Amino acid sequence: MESKRDIIFYKQYFTKFFAEQPTIVKEKIAYVFKVVRTVEKVPEKFLKHLTDTDGLYEIRIEVKSNAYRIFCCFDKGKLIVLFNAFQKKTQRTDRKEIKRALKLKDEYFKNKK
């Protein structure tokens, strides 16, 4: 399959989270990353734009009854930059995690210049 997008990790935030996950979660993350990389129009089930967040998206992972979120943004349209990730404990996405992701996104674009 031809890659539509590339995924990169900003600093160690995501990789640290990933290393701490059980194998079943790692396998599901790998599957969702493959979908995000190769599918032209990624279903909202896997990648959702967060309103009122200035270009922040969340990659959505569901494993059994557990929900995981990986915050990301696009850079140059085809590059997805991953920031922080966490396991959801409630229906609503934690505002603290969103604020952290926005801070990391701003930092990424400032350091890129």
C-alpha atoms as a PDB file:
ATOM      1  CA  MET A   1       0.000   0.000   0.000  1.00  0.00           C
ATOM      2  CA  GLU A   2       1.173   3.451  -0.854  1.00  0.00           C
ATOM      3  CA  SER A   3       1.690   5.826   2.036  1.00  0.00           C
ATOM      4  CA  LYS A   4      -0.543   8.913   1.994  1.00  0.00           C
ATOM      5  CA  ARG A   5       0.954  10.377   5.158  1.00  0.00           C
ATOM      6  CA  ASP A   6       4.042  10.083   7.316  1.00  0.00           C
ATOM      7  CA  ILE A   7       3.945   9.984  11.101  1.00  0.00           C
ATOM      8  CA  ILE A   8       6.690  11.440  13.286  1.00  0.00           C
ATOM      9  CA  PHE A   9       7.022  11.694  17.044  1.00  0.00           C
ATOM     10  CA  TYR A  10       7.710  15.021  18.720  1.00  0.00           C
ATOM     11  CA  LYS A  11      10.303  14.417  21.428  1.00  0.00           C
ATOM     12  CA  GLN A  12       9.732  11.356  23.643  1.00  0.00           C
ATOM     13  CA  TYR A  13       6.147  11.933  24.827  1.00  0.00           C
ATOM     14  CA  PHE A  14       4.425   9.348  22.668  1.00  0.00           C
ATOM     15  CA  THR A  15       7.244   6.793  22.643  1.00  0.00           C
ATOM     16  CA  LYS A  16       7.349   6.760  26.450  1.00  0.00           C
ATOM     17  CA  PHE A  17       3.579   6.190  26.581  1.00  0.00           C
ATOM     18  CA  PHE A  18       3.812   3.459  23.912  1.00  0.00           C
ATOM     19  CA  ALA A  19       6.577   1.576  25.754  1.00  0.00           C
ATOM     20  CA  GLU A  20       4.395   1.328  28.871  1.00  0.00           C
ATOM     21  CA  GLN A  21       1.420  -0.277  27.074  1.00  0.00           C
ATOM     22  CA  PRO A  22       0.569  -3.988  26.965  1.00  0.00           C
ATOM     23  CA  THR A  23       1.116  -5.863  23.686  1.00  0.00           C
ATOM     24  CA  ILE A  24      -2.567  -5.820  22.702  1.00  0.00           C
ATOM     25  CA  VAL A  25      -2.659  -2.003  22.915  1.00  0.00           C
ATOM     26  CA  LYS A  26       0.619  -1.672  20.971  1.00  0.00           C
ATOM     27  CA  GLU A  27      -0.799  -3.894  18.219  1.00  0.00           C
ATOM     28  CA  LYS A  28      -3.974  -1.805  17.962  1.00  0.00           C
ATOM     29  CA  ILE A  29      -1.951   1.422  17.850  1.00  0.00           C
ATOM     30  CA  ALA A  30       0.167  -0.056  15.031  1.00  0.00           C
ATOM     31  CA  TYR A  31      -3.000  -1.013  13.140  1.00  0.00           C
ATOM     32  CA  VAL A  32      -4.531   2.462  13.506  1.00  0.00           C
ATOM     33  CA  PHE A  33      -1.240   4.074  12.430  1.00  0.00           C
ATOM     34  CA  LYS A  34      -1.321   1.912   9.285  1.00  0.00           C
ATOM     35  CA  VAL A  35      -4.861   3.138   8.550  1.00  0.00           C
ATOM     36  CA  VAL A  36      -3.838   6.756   9.131  1.00  0.00           C
ATOM     37  CA  ARG A  37      -0.792   6.367   6.866  1.00  0.00           C
ATOM     38  CA  THR A  38      -2.508   4.612   3.971  1.00  0.00           C
ATOM     39  CA  VAL A  39      -6.212   5.503   3.770  1.00  0.00           C
ATOM     40  CA  GLU A  40      -7.071   8.607   1.746  1.00  0.00           C
ATOM     41  CA  LYS A  41      -9.997   9.657   3.953  1.00  0.00           C
ATOM     42  CA  VAL A  42      -9.382   8.374   7.470  1.00  0.00           C
ATOM     43  CA  PRO A  43     -12.640   7.531   9.296  1.00  0.00           C
ATOM     44  CA  GLU A  44     -13.451   9.749  12.279  1.00  0.00           C
ATOM     45  CA  LYS A  45     -13.453   6.569  14.345  1.00  0.00           C
ATOM     46  CA  PHE A  46      -9.635   6.688  14.088  1.00  0.00           C
ATOM     47  CA  LEU A  47      -8.749  10.363  13.538  1.00  0.00           C
ATOM     48  CA  LYS A  48     -10.889  13.253  14.749  1.00  0.00           C
ATOM     49  CA  HIS A  49     -10.392  17.007  14.594  1.00  0.00           C
ATOM     50  CA  LEU A  50     -10.937  18.638  17.967  1.00  0.00           C
ATOM     51  CA  THR A  51     -13.037  21.773  17.599  1.00  0.00           C
ATOM     52  CA  ASP A  52     -11.756  25.038  19.060  1.00  0.00           C
ATOM     53  CA  THR A  53      -8.175  23.731  19.251  1.00  0.00           C
ATOM     54  CA  ASP A  54      -6.439  25.399  16.305  1.00  0.00           C
ATOM     55  CA  GLY A  55      -5.635  22.316  14.230  1.00  0.00           C
ATOM     56  CA  LEU A  56      -5.292  19.712  16.963  1.00  0.00           C
ATOM     57  CA  TYR A  57      -6.468  16.172  16.196  1.00  0.00           C
ATOM     58  CA  GLU A  58      -6.743  13.011  18.225  1.00  0.00           C
ATOM     59  CA  ILE A  59      -5.928   9.527  17.043  1.00  0.00           C
ATOM     60  CA  ARG A  60      -8.478   7.275  18.672  1.00  0.00           C
ATOM     61  CA  ILE A  61      -7.663   3.785  19.906  1.00  0.00           C
ATOM     62  CA  GLU A  62     -10.232   1.405  21.391  1.00  0.00           C
ATOM     63  CA  VAL A  63      -9.122  -1.859  23.012  1.00  0.00           C
ATOM     64  CA  LYS A  64     -11.827  -3.872  24.722  1.00  0.00           C
ATOM     65  CA  SER A  65     -13.498  -1.352  27.040  1.00  0.00           C
ATOM     66  CA  ASN A  66     -10.480   0.981  27.184  1.00  0.00           C
ATOM     67  CA  ALA A  67     -10.076   4.175  25.179  1.00  0.00           C
ATOM     68  CA  TYR A  68      -6.728   5.780  24.359  1.00  0.00           C
ATOM     69  CA  ARG A  69      -6.044   9.135  22.723  1.00  0.00           C
ATOM     70  CA  ILE A  70      -2.938  10.358  20.928  1.00  0.00           C
ATOM     71  CA  PHE A  71      -2.857  14.075  20.172  1.00  0.00           C
ATOM     72  CA  CYS A  72      -1.403  15.167  16.864  1.00  0.00           C
ATOM     73  CA  CYS A  73      -1.460  17.791  14.139  1.00  0.00           C
ATOM     74  CA  PHE A  74      -0.682  18.031  10.450  1.00  0.00           C
ATOM     75  CA  ASP A  75       2.443  19.705   9.126  1.00  0.00           C
ATOM     76  CA  LYS A  76       2.588  20.367   5.375  1.00  0.00           C
ATOM     77  CA  GLY A  77      -0.620  18.382   4.910  1.00  0.00           C
ATOM     78  CA  LYS A  78       0.922  14.914   4.708  1.00  0.00           C
ATOM     79  CA  LEU A  79       3.024  14.763   7.855  1.00  0.00           C
ATOM     80  CA  ILE A  80       1.356  13.906  11.139  1.00  0.00           C
ATOM     81  CA  VAL A  81       3.220  14.982  14.265  1.00  0.00           C
ATOM     82  CA  LEU A  82       2.399  13.039  17.447  1.00  0.00           C
ATOM     83  CA  PHE A  83       2.462  14.692  20.849  1.00  0.00           C
ATOM     84  CA  ASN A  84       1.193  13.335  24.163  1.00  0.00           C
ATOM     85  CA  ALA A  85      -1.034  10.299  24.667  1.00  0.00           C
ATOM     86  CA  PHE A  86      -3.135   8.979  27.514  1.00  0.00           C
ATOM     87  CA  GLN A  87      -5.787   6.462  28.500  1.00  0.00           C
ATOM     88  CA  LYS A  88      -9.235   8.003  28.855  1.00  0.00           C
ATOM     89  CA  LYS A  89     -10.907   7.450  32.201  1.00  0.00           C
ATOM     90  CA  THR A  90     -14.117   9.418  31.526  1.00  0.00           C
ATOM     91  CA  GLN A  91     -16.392  10.236  28.586  1.00  0.00           C
ATOM     92  CA  ARG A  92     -14.909  13.708  28.164  1.00  0.00           C
ATOM     93  CA  THR A  93     -11.351  14.314  27.029  1.00  0.00           C
ATOM     94  CA  ASP A  94      -9.339  15.821  29.860  1.00  0.00           C
ATOM     95  CA  ARG A  95      -8.839  19.574  29.258  1.00  0.00           C
ATOM     96  CA  LYS A  96      -5.442  19.357  30.970  1.00  0.00           C
ATOM     97  CA  GLU A  97      -4.268  16.862  28.324  1.00  0.00           C
ATOM     98  CA  ILE A  98      -5.604  19.086  25.521  1.00  0.00           C
ATOM     99  CA  LYS A  99      -3.785  22.125  26.956  1.00  0.00           C
ATOM    100  CA  ARG A 100      -0.586  20.090  27.169  1.00  0.00           C
ATOM    101  CA  ALA A 101      -0.948  18.979  23.542  1.00  0.00           C
ATOM    102  CA  LEU A 102      -1.540  22.570  22.386  1.00  0.00           C
ATOM    103  CA  LYS A 103       1.577  23.684  24.263  1.00  0.00           C
ATOM    104  CA  LEU A 104       3.626  20.916  22.610  1.00  0.00           C
ATOM    105  CA  LYS A 105       2.199  21.810  19.198  1.00  0.00           C
ATOM    106  CA  ASP A 106       3.202  25.459  19.644  1.00  0.00           C
ATOM    107  CA  GLU A 107       6.653  24.376  20.827  1.00  0.00           C
ATOM    108  CA  TYR A 108       7.064  22.085  17.798  1.00  0.00           C
ATOM    109  CA  PHE A 109       6.298  24.857  15.294  1.00  0.00           C
ATOM    110  CA  LYS A 110       8.481  27.416  17.116  1.00  0.00           C
ATOM    111  CA  ASN A 111      11.450  25.021  17.213  1.00  0.00           C
ATOM    112  CA  LYS A 112      10.942  24.113  13.565  1.00  0.00           C
ATOM    113  CA  LYS A 113      11.730  27.642  12.353  1.00  0.00           C
END
